[in-house]
Amino acid sequence: MSMQHGTDKDELVRHALAARERAYAPYSGFRVGSALLDGQGNVHYGCNVENAAYGPTNCAERTALFRAVADGHQPGSFQAIAVVGDTKGPIAPCGVCRQVLLELCVPDMPVYMANLKGDIAETTVAQLLPGSFGPADLDRSGRG
């Protein structure tokens, strides 16, 4: 699938590999990288950032998404995301990342999952989290 400004699936995965090199994983040694393509063709890097208390650890996908939002890009404007890790098959986002993807991305946005061997699987945000609870499920009218 071709993306804006010549960024294709393989190029986005290469960006995720580069982001993986920036991971801070002194406890697990499990480095993960992510690359998020925004609507203007910019690529936002994310990597996992661990913490000795474990709970505050942040995954690569969320780092890329939060960074893009903090840089002024609107949720729903993202074009695709790639995630890479040293796994047997293509790495999949964790449950928390799937929920954040649902919140900040459109349901049909491509998600490219890859490993260091070059295996790549493609899915969508909606396929990652079937039966999800998201923004549309909140009743903001006060009728509860």
N, C-alpha and C. Protein backbone atom coordinates (compact mmCIF):
# COMPACT_ATOMS: atom_id res chain seq x y z
N MET A 1 0.84 -1.18 0.00
CA MET A 1 0.00 0.00 0.00
C MET A 1 0.88 1.24 0.00
N SER A 2 0.63 2.12 -0.92
CA SER A 2 1.41 3.34 -1.02
C SER A 2 0.85 4.41 -0.10
N MET A 3 1.73 5.18 0.52
CA MET A 3 1.29 6.24 1.42
C MET A 3 1.84 7.57 0.94
N GLN A 4 1.32 8.61 1.50
CA GLN A 4 1.66 9.98 1.17
C GLN A 4 3.17 10.21 1.21
N HIS A 5 3.63 11.08 0.32
CA HIS A 5 5.03 11.50 0.25
C HIS A 5 5.99 10.34 0.06
N GLY A 6 5.56 9.29 -0.62
CA GLY A 6 6.44 8.18 -0.93
C GLY A 6 6.75 7.26 0.23
N THR A 7 6.10 7.43 1.37
CA THR A 7 6.35 6.55 2.50
C THR A 7 5.48 5.32 2.35
N ASP A 8 6.11 4.17 2.12
CA ASP A 8 5.35 2.93 1.98
C ASP A 8 5.55 2.06 3.22
N LYS A 9 4.92 0.92 3.20
CA LYS A 9 4.97 0.01 4.35
C LYS A 9 6.40 -0.33 4.72
N ASP A 10 7.22 -0.72 3.76
CA ASP A 10 8.61 -1.11 4.06
C ASP A 10 9.42 0.05 4.62
N GLU A 11 9.20 1.24 4.08
CA GLU A 11 9.93 2.41 4.59
C GLU A 11 9.49 2.73 6.02
N LEU A 12 8.20 2.61 6.32
CA LEU A 12 7.73 2.88 7.67
C LEU A 12 8.30 1.85 8.65
N VAL A 13 8.41 0.61 8.22
CA VAL A 13 9.03 -0.42 9.07
C VAL A 13 10.51 -0.10 9.29
N ARG A 14 11.20 0.40 8.26
CA ARG A 14 12.61 0.80 8.44
C ARG A 14 12.73 1.92 9.47
N HIS A 15 11.78 2.85 9.44
CA HIS A 15 11.78 3.92 10.46
C HIS A 15 11.56 3.33 11.85
N ALA A 16 10.68 2.35 11.96
CA ALA A 16 10.43 1.71 13.26
C ALA A 16 11.69 1.00 13.76
N LEU A 17 12.43 0.39 12.84
CA LEU A 17 13.70 -0.25 13.22
C LEU A 17 14.68 0.79 13.76
N ALA A 18 14.73 1.96 13.13
CA ALA A 18 15.63 3.02 13.60
C ALA A 18 15.16 3.52 14.97
N ALA A 19 13.86 3.65 15.16
CA ALA A 19 13.34 4.08 16.45
C ALA A 19 13.66 3.07 17.54
N ARG A 20 13.65 1.79 17.19
CA ARG A 20 13.95 0.72 18.14
C ARG A 20 15.34 0.90 18.76
N GLU A 21 16.26 1.43 18.00
CA GLU A 21 17.63 1.64 18.49
C GLU A 21 17.67 2.66 19.63
N ARG A 22 16.64 3.47 19.75
CA ARG A 22 16.59 4.50 20.79
C ARG A 22 15.92 4.02 22.08
N ALA A 23 15.43 2.80 22.09
CA ALA A 23 14.69 2.27 23.24
C ALA A 23 15.53 2.32 24.51
N TYR A 24 14.85 2.57 25.61
CA TYR A 24 15.46 2.53 26.94
C TYR A 24 14.86 1.30 27.63
N ALA A 25 15.60 0.20 27.57
CA ALA A 25 15.10 -1.08 28.09
C ALA A 25 16.16 -1.77 28.95
N PRO A 26 16.64 -1.10 30.02
CA PRO A 26 17.71 -1.69 30.83
C PRO A 26 17.27 -2.89 31.67
N TYR A 27 15.97 -3.07 31.88
CA TYR A 27 15.48 -4.13 32.75
C TYR A 27 15.12 -5.39 31.96
N SER A 28 14.38 -5.22 30.90
CA SER A 28 13.97 -6.38 30.11
C SER A 28 14.93 -6.69 28.97
N GLY A 29 15.60 -5.67 28.47
CA GLY A 29 16.44 -5.84 27.28
C GLY A 29 15.60 -6.01 26.01
N PHE A 30 14.29 -5.88 26.12
CA PHE A 30 13.37 -6.07 25.00
C PHE A 30 13.07 -4.71 24.38
N ARG A 31 13.76 -4.43 23.27
CA ARG A 31 13.66 -3.13 22.62
C ARG A 31 12.59 -3.18 21.53
N VAL A 32 11.72 -2.17 21.53
CA VAL A 32 10.65 -2.07 20.54
C VAL A 32 10.68 -0.67 19.95
N GLY A 33 10.45 -0.61 18.63
CA GLY A 33 10.39 0.67 17.95
C GLY A 33 9.09 0.81 17.19
N SER A 34 8.67 2.05 17.02
CA SER A 34 7.44 2.33 16.29
C SER A 34 7.64 3.59 15.46
N ALA A 35 6.93 3.65 14.33
CA ALA A 35 6.96 4.83 13.48
C ALA A 35 5.54 5.13 13.05
N LEU A 36 5.10 6.35 13.28
CA LEU A 36 3.74 6.79 12.98
C LEU A 36 3.78 7.81 11.86
N LEU A 37 3.01 7.58 10.81
CA LEU A 37 2.91 8.50 9.69
C LEU A 37 1.71 9.40 9.90
N ASP A 38 1.95 10.72 9.90
CA ASP A 38 0.83 11.64 10.07
C ASP A 38 0.29 12.08 8.71
N GLY A 39 -0.76 12.88 8.74
CA GLY A 39 -1.43 13.30 7.51
C GLY A 39 -0.61 14.20 6.62
N GLN A 40 0.44 14.81 7.15
CA GLN A 40 1.32 15.66 6.34
C GLN A 40 2.55 14.92 5.82
N GLY A 41 2.63 13.62 6.09
CA GLY A 41 3.75 12.83 5.60
C GLY A 41 4.93 12.78 6.54
N ASN A 42 4.79 13.35 7.74
CA ASN A 42 5.86 13.31 8.73
C ASN A 42 5.83 11.99 9.47
N VAL A 43 7.00 11.49 9.84
CA VAL A 43 7.11 10.25 10.59
C VAL A 43 7.54 10.59 12.01
N HIS A 44 6.77 10.09 12.98
CA HIS A 44 7.05 10.32 14.40
C HIS A 44 7.56 9.01 15.00
N TYR A 45 8.75 9.07 15.60
CA TYR A 45 9.35 7.89 16.20
C TYR A 45 8.83 7.67 17.62
N GLY A 46 8.75 6.40 17.97
CA GLY A 46 8.45 6.02 19.33
C GLY A 46 9.28 4.79 19.69
N CYS A 47 9.65 4.68 20.94
CA CYS A 47 10.36 3.51 21.43
C CYS A 47 9.86 3.22 22.83
N ASN A 48 10.08 1.99 23.28
CA ASN A 48 9.68 1.71 24.65
C ASN A 48 10.66 2.36 25.61
N VAL A 49 10.10 2.87 26.70
CA VAL A 49 10.89 3.53 27.74
C VAL A 49 10.50 2.87 29.06
N GLU A 50 11.44 2.09 29.60
CA GLU A 50 11.16 1.33 30.82
C GLU A 50 11.42 2.15 32.07
N ASN A 51 10.92 1.63 33.17
CA ASN A 51 11.08 2.26 34.47
C ASN A 51 11.26 1.16 35.49
N ALA A 52 12.09 1.39 36.49
CA ALA A 52 12.34 0.37 37.51
C ALA A 52 11.07 -0.03 38.23
N ALA A 53 10.08 0.84 38.29
CA ALA A 53 8.81 0.51 38.94
C ALA A 53 7.86 -0.23 37.99
N TYR A 54 8.28 -0.47 36.77
CA TYR A 54 7.55 -1.20 35.72
C TYR A 54 6.25 -0.53 35.28
N GLY A 55 5.36 -0.17 36.18
CA GLY A 55 4.07 0.43 35.82
C GLY A 55 4.20 1.67 34.95
N PRO A 56 5.14 2.56 35.23
CA PRO A 56 5.29 3.77 34.41
C PRO A 56 5.93 3.53 33.03
N THR A 57 6.31 2.30 32.74
CA THR A 57 6.90 1.99 31.43
C THR A 57 5.92 2.37 30.33
N ASN A 58 6.45 2.89 29.24
CA ASN A 58 5.61 3.27 28.10
C ASN A 58 6.05 2.51 26.86
N CYS A 59 5.08 1.99 26.13
CA CYS A 59 5.36 1.22 24.91
C CYS A 59 5.71 2.14 23.75
N ALA A 60 6.33 1.58 22.74
CA ALA A 60 6.76 2.33 21.56
C ALA A 60 5.59 2.97 20.82
N GLU A 61 4.50 2.23 20.66
CA GLU A 61 3.36 2.75 19.91
C GLU A 61 2.77 3.97 20.60
N ARG A 62 2.59 3.89 21.91
CA ARG A 62 2.04 5.03 22.65
C ARG A 62 3.00 6.21 22.64
N THR A 63 4.30 5.93 22.72
CA THR A 63 5.28 7.02 22.67
C THR A 63 5.15 7.78 21.35
N ALA A 64 5.05 7.07 20.24
CA ALA A 64 4.91 7.72 18.93
C ALA A 64 3.61 8.51 18.84
N LEU A 65 2.52 7.92 19.29
CA LEU A 65 1.22 8.60 19.23
C LEU A 65 1.19 9.84 20.12
N PHE A 66 1.66 9.70 21.35
CA PHE A 66 1.63 10.83 22.28
C PHE A 66 2.56 11.95 21.79
N ARG A 67 3.68 11.55 21.22
CA ARG A 67 4.63 12.54 20.70
C ARG A 67 4.00 13.34 19.56
N ALA A 68 3.31 12.64 18.67
CA ALA A 68 2.66 13.31 17.54
C ALA A 68 1.57 14.27 18.02
N VAL A 69 0.78 13.84 18.98
CA VAL A 69 -0.26 14.71 19.53
C VAL A 69 0.38 15.92 20.21
N ALA A 70 1.43 15.69 20.99
CA ALA A 70 2.13 16.78 21.67
C ALA A 70 2.75 17.76 20.68
N ASP A 71 3.09 17.27 19.49
CA ASP A 71 3.65 18.12 18.44
C ASP A 71 2.57 18.85 17.64
N GLY A 72 1.30 18.68 18.03
CA GLY A 72 0.23 19.43 17.41
C GLY A 72 -0.59 18.71 16.36
N HIS A 73 -0.35 17.43 16.15
CA HIS A 73 -1.11 16.68 15.15
C HIS A 73 -2.40 16.16 15.77
N GLN A 74 -3.48 16.31 15.05
CA GLN A 74 -4.80 15.98 15.56
C GLN A 74 -5.06 14.47 15.54
N PRO A 75 -5.62 13.93 16.62
CA PRO A 75 -6.07 12.53 16.60
C PRO A 75 -7.02 12.33 15.42
N GLY A 76 -6.91 11.18 14.80
CA GLY A 76 -7.71 10.87 13.63
C GLY A 76 -7.06 11.25 12.32
N SER A 77 -5.94 11.98 12.38
CA SER A 77 -5.27 12.42 11.14
C SER A 77 -4.11 11.52 10.74
N PHE A 78 -3.84 10.48 11.51
CA PHE A 78 -2.70 9.63 11.23
C PHE A 78 -3.01 8.66 10.10
N GLN A 79 -1.98 8.31 9.34
CA GLN A 79 -2.15 7.49 8.14
C GLN A 79 -1.80 6.02 8.34
N ALA A 80 -0.81 5.73 9.17
CA ALA A 80 -0.36 4.34 9.39
C ALA A 80 0.64 4.33 10.53
N ILE A 81 0.81 3.14 11.12
CA ILE A 81 1.82 2.96 12.17
C ILE A 81 2.50 1.62 11.95
N ALA A 82 3.80 1.58 12.23
CA ALA A 82 4.56 0.33 12.18
C ALA A 82 5.18 0.11 13.55
N VAL A 83 5.28 -1.15 13.93
CA VAL A 83 5.91 -1.52 15.20
C VAL A 83 6.82 -2.72 14.93
N VAL A 84 8.02 -2.70 15.53
CA VAL A 84 9.03 -3.74 15.30
C VAL A 84 9.62 -4.18 16.63
N GLY A 85 9.77 -5.50 16.77
CA GLY A 85 10.41 -6.05 17.96
C GLY A 85 11.11 -7.35 17.62
N ASP A 86 11.94 -7.81 18.53
CA ASP A 86 12.69 -9.06 18.34
C ASP A 86 11.82 -10.22 18.82
N THR A 87 10.89 -10.61 17.97
CA THR A 87 9.95 -11.69 18.28
C THR A 87 9.99 -12.75 17.19
N LYS A 88 9.46 -13.94 17.50
CA LYS A 88 9.46 -15.04 16.53
C LYS A 88 8.66 -14.67 15.28
N GLY A 89 7.46 -14.17 15.49
CA GLY A 89 6.63 -13.68 14.39
C GLY A 89 6.52 -12.18 14.51
N PRO A 90 5.74 -11.55 13.64
CA PRO A 90 5.55 -10.11 13.75
C PRO A 90 4.98 -9.74 15.12
N ILE A 91 5.54 -8.70 15.73
CA ILE A 91 5.11 -8.26 17.06
C ILE A 91 3.73 -7.63 16.97
N ALA A 92 2.94 -7.82 17.99
CA ALA A 92 1.60 -7.22 18.05
C ALA A 92 1.54 -6.21 19.19
N PRO A 93 0.80 -5.13 19.02
CA PRO A 93 0.64 -4.17 20.11
C PRO A 93 -0.05 -4.80 21.32
N CYS A 94 0.33 -4.36 22.51
CA CYS A 94 -0.32 -4.84 23.74
C CYS A 94 -1.74 -4.29 23.81
N GLY A 95 -2.50 -4.75 24.78
CA GLY A 95 -3.88 -4.32 24.93
C GLY A 95 -4.02 -2.83 25.19
N VAL A 96 -3.15 -2.26 26.01
CA VAL A 96 -3.21 -0.83 26.30
C VAL A 96 -2.96 -0.03 25.03
N CYS A 97 -1.97 -0.43 24.25
CA CYS A 97 -1.68 0.27 23.00
C CYS A 97 -2.84 0.15 22.02
N ARG A 98 -3.49 -1.01 21.99
CA ARG A 98 -4.66 -1.18 21.11
C ARG A 98 -5.75 -0.19 21.48
N GLN A 99 -5.97 0.01 22.79
CA GLN A 99 -6.99 0.96 23.23
C GLN A 99 -6.62 2.38 22.84
N VAL A 100 -5.35 2.75 22.99
CA VAL A 100 -4.90 4.09 22.62
C VAL A 100 -4.99 4.28 21.10
N LEU A 101 -4.64 3.27 20.33
CA LEU A 101 -4.79 3.35 18.88
C LEU A 101 -6.25 3.60 18.52
N LEU A 102 -7.16 2.91 19.18
CA LEU A 102 -8.59 3.09 18.93
C LEU A 102 -9.00 4.53 19.23
N GLU A 103 -8.47 5.10 20.30
CA GLU A 103 -8.82 6.46 20.71
C GLU A 103 -8.30 7.51 19.74
N LEU A 104 -7.08 7.34 19.23
CA LEU A 104 -6.41 8.40 18.49
C LEU A 104 -6.36 8.21 16.98
N CYS A 105 -6.80 7.06 16.49
CA CYS A 105 -6.70 6.75 15.06
C CYS A 105 -8.04 6.34 14.50
N VAL A 106 -8.17 6.42 13.19
CA VAL A 106 -9.40 5.96 12.55
C VAL A 106 -9.38 4.43 12.50
N PRO A 107 -10.57 3.81 12.54
CA PRO A 107 -10.63 2.34 12.62
C PRO A 107 -9.95 1.60 11.47
N ASP A 108 -9.94 2.18 10.27
CA ASP A 108 -9.35 1.46 9.14
C ASP A 108 -7.88 1.81 8.89
N MET A 109 -7.25 2.53 9.83
CA MET A 109 -5.83 2.87 9.67
C MET A 109 -4.98 1.61 9.68
N PRO A 110 -4.05 1.48 8.72
CA PRO A 110 -3.17 0.30 8.70
C PRO A 110 -2.21 0.27 9.88
N VAL A 111 -2.01 -0.94 10.40
CA VAL A 111 -1.04 -1.21 11.44
C VAL A 111 -0.12 -2.29 10.90
N TYR A 112 1.17 -1.96 10.77
CA TYR A 112 2.16 -2.90 10.26
C TYR A 112 2.95 -3.45 11.44
N MET A 113 2.93 -4.76 11.59
CA MET A 113 3.63 -5.42 12.70
C MET A 113 4.77 -6.24 12.10
N ALA A 114 5.98 -6.04 12.64
CA ALA A 114 7.14 -6.68 12.04
C ALA A 114 8.08 -7.22 13.12
N ASN A 115 9.05 -8.00 12.66
CA ASN A 115 10.11 -8.48 13.55
C ASN A 115 11.46 -8.22 12.90
N LEU A 116 12.52 -8.60 13.58
CA LEU A 116 13.87 -8.33 13.06
C LEU A 116 14.25 -9.22 11.89
N LYS A 117 13.50 -10.31 11.67
CA LYS A 117 13.77 -11.21 10.54
C LYS A 117 13.16 -10.69 9.24
N GLY A 118 12.38 -9.62 9.32
CA GLY A 118 11.76 -9.06 8.12
C GLY A 118 10.34 -9.53 7.87
N ASP A 119 9.78 -10.30 8.80
CA ASP A 119 8.38 -10.71 8.67
C ASP A 119 7.49 -9.50 8.96
N ILE A 120 6.48 -9.29 8.12
CA ILE A 120 5.57 -8.17 8.31
C ILE A 120 4.14 -8.67 8.15
N ALA A 121 3.29 -8.30 9.10
CA ALA A 121 1.86 -8.59 9.00
C ALA A 121 1.14 -7.25 9.01
N GLU A 122 0.03 -7.19 8.31
CA GLU A 122 -0.75 -5.95 8.23
C GLU A 122 -2.16 -6.20 8.76
N THR A 123 -2.63 -5.26 9.55
CA THR A 123 -4.00 -5.30 10.06
C THR A 123 -4.51 -3.87 10.13
N THR A 124 -5.63 -3.66 10.77
CA THR A 124 -6.16 -2.32 10.98
C THR A 124 -6.39 -2.12 12.48
N VAL A 125 -6.59 -0.89 12.86
CA VAL A 125 -6.88 -0.57 14.25
C VAL A 125 -8.12 -1.33 14.71
N ALA A 126 -9.17 -1.32 13.91
CA ALA A 126 -10.42 -1.99 14.29
C ALA A 126 -10.24 -3.49 14.45
N GLN A 127 -9.43 -4.10 13.59
CA GLN A 127 -9.21 -5.55 13.68
C GLN A 127 -8.41 -5.91 14.93
N LEU A 128 -7.60 -4.99 15.43
CA LEU A 128 -6.80 -5.25 16.63
C LEU A 128 -7.64 -5.33 17.89
N LEU A 129 -8.79 -4.66 17.89
CA LEU A 129 -9.58 -4.58 19.11
C LEU A 129 -11.07 -4.74 18.81
N PRO A 130 -11.47 -5.97 18.44
CA PRO A 130 -12.90 -6.19 18.16
C PRO A 130 -13.72 -6.06 19.44
N GLY A 131 -14.96 -5.62 19.29
CA GLY A 131 -15.83 -5.46 20.44
C GLY A 131 -15.36 -4.38 21.38
N SER A 132 -14.70 -3.37 20.86
CA SER A 132 -14.06 -2.34 21.68
C SER A 132 -15.04 -1.35 22.28
N PHE A 133 -14.56 -0.66 23.29
CA PHE A 133 -15.26 0.46 23.92
C PHE A 133 -14.45 1.70 23.59
N GLY A 134 -15.07 2.66 22.93
CA GLY A 134 -14.33 3.85 22.54
C GLY A 134 -15.13 5.12 22.72
N PRO A 135 -14.62 6.21 22.17
CA PRO A 135 -15.25 7.52 22.35
C PRO A 135 -16.73 7.53 21.96
N ALA A 136 -17.10 6.83 20.92
CA ALA A 136 -18.49 6.82 20.47
C ALA A 136 -19.42 6.15 21.49
N ASP A 137 -18.87 5.36 22.38
CA ASP A 137 -19.69 4.67 23.37
C ASP A 137 -20.01 5.51 24.60
N LEU A 138 -19.37 6.63 24.74
CA LEU A 138 -19.63 7.49 25.90
C LEU A 138 -20.87 8.34 25.66
N ASP A 139 -21.77 8.33 26.61
CA ASP A 139 -22.99 9.14 26.53
C ASP A 139 -22.69 10.47 27.21
N ARG A 140 -22.47 11.49 26.43
CA ARG A 140 -22.12 12.80 26.97
C ARG A 140 -23.33 13.69 27.16
N SER A 141 -24.51 13.17 26.91
CA SER A 141 -25.72 13.99 27.01
C SER A 141 -26.22 14.14 28.43
N GLY A 142 -25.68 13.33 29.35
CA GLY A 142 -26.13 13.39 30.74
C GLY A 142 -27.34 12.51 31.01
N ARG A 143 -27.80 11.79 30.00
CA ARG A 143 -28.97 10.94 30.16
C ARG A 143 -28.60 9.58 30.74
N GLY A 144 -27.25 9.32 30.86
CA GLY A 144 -26.69 8.14 31.47
C GLY A 144 -27.23 6.87 31.10
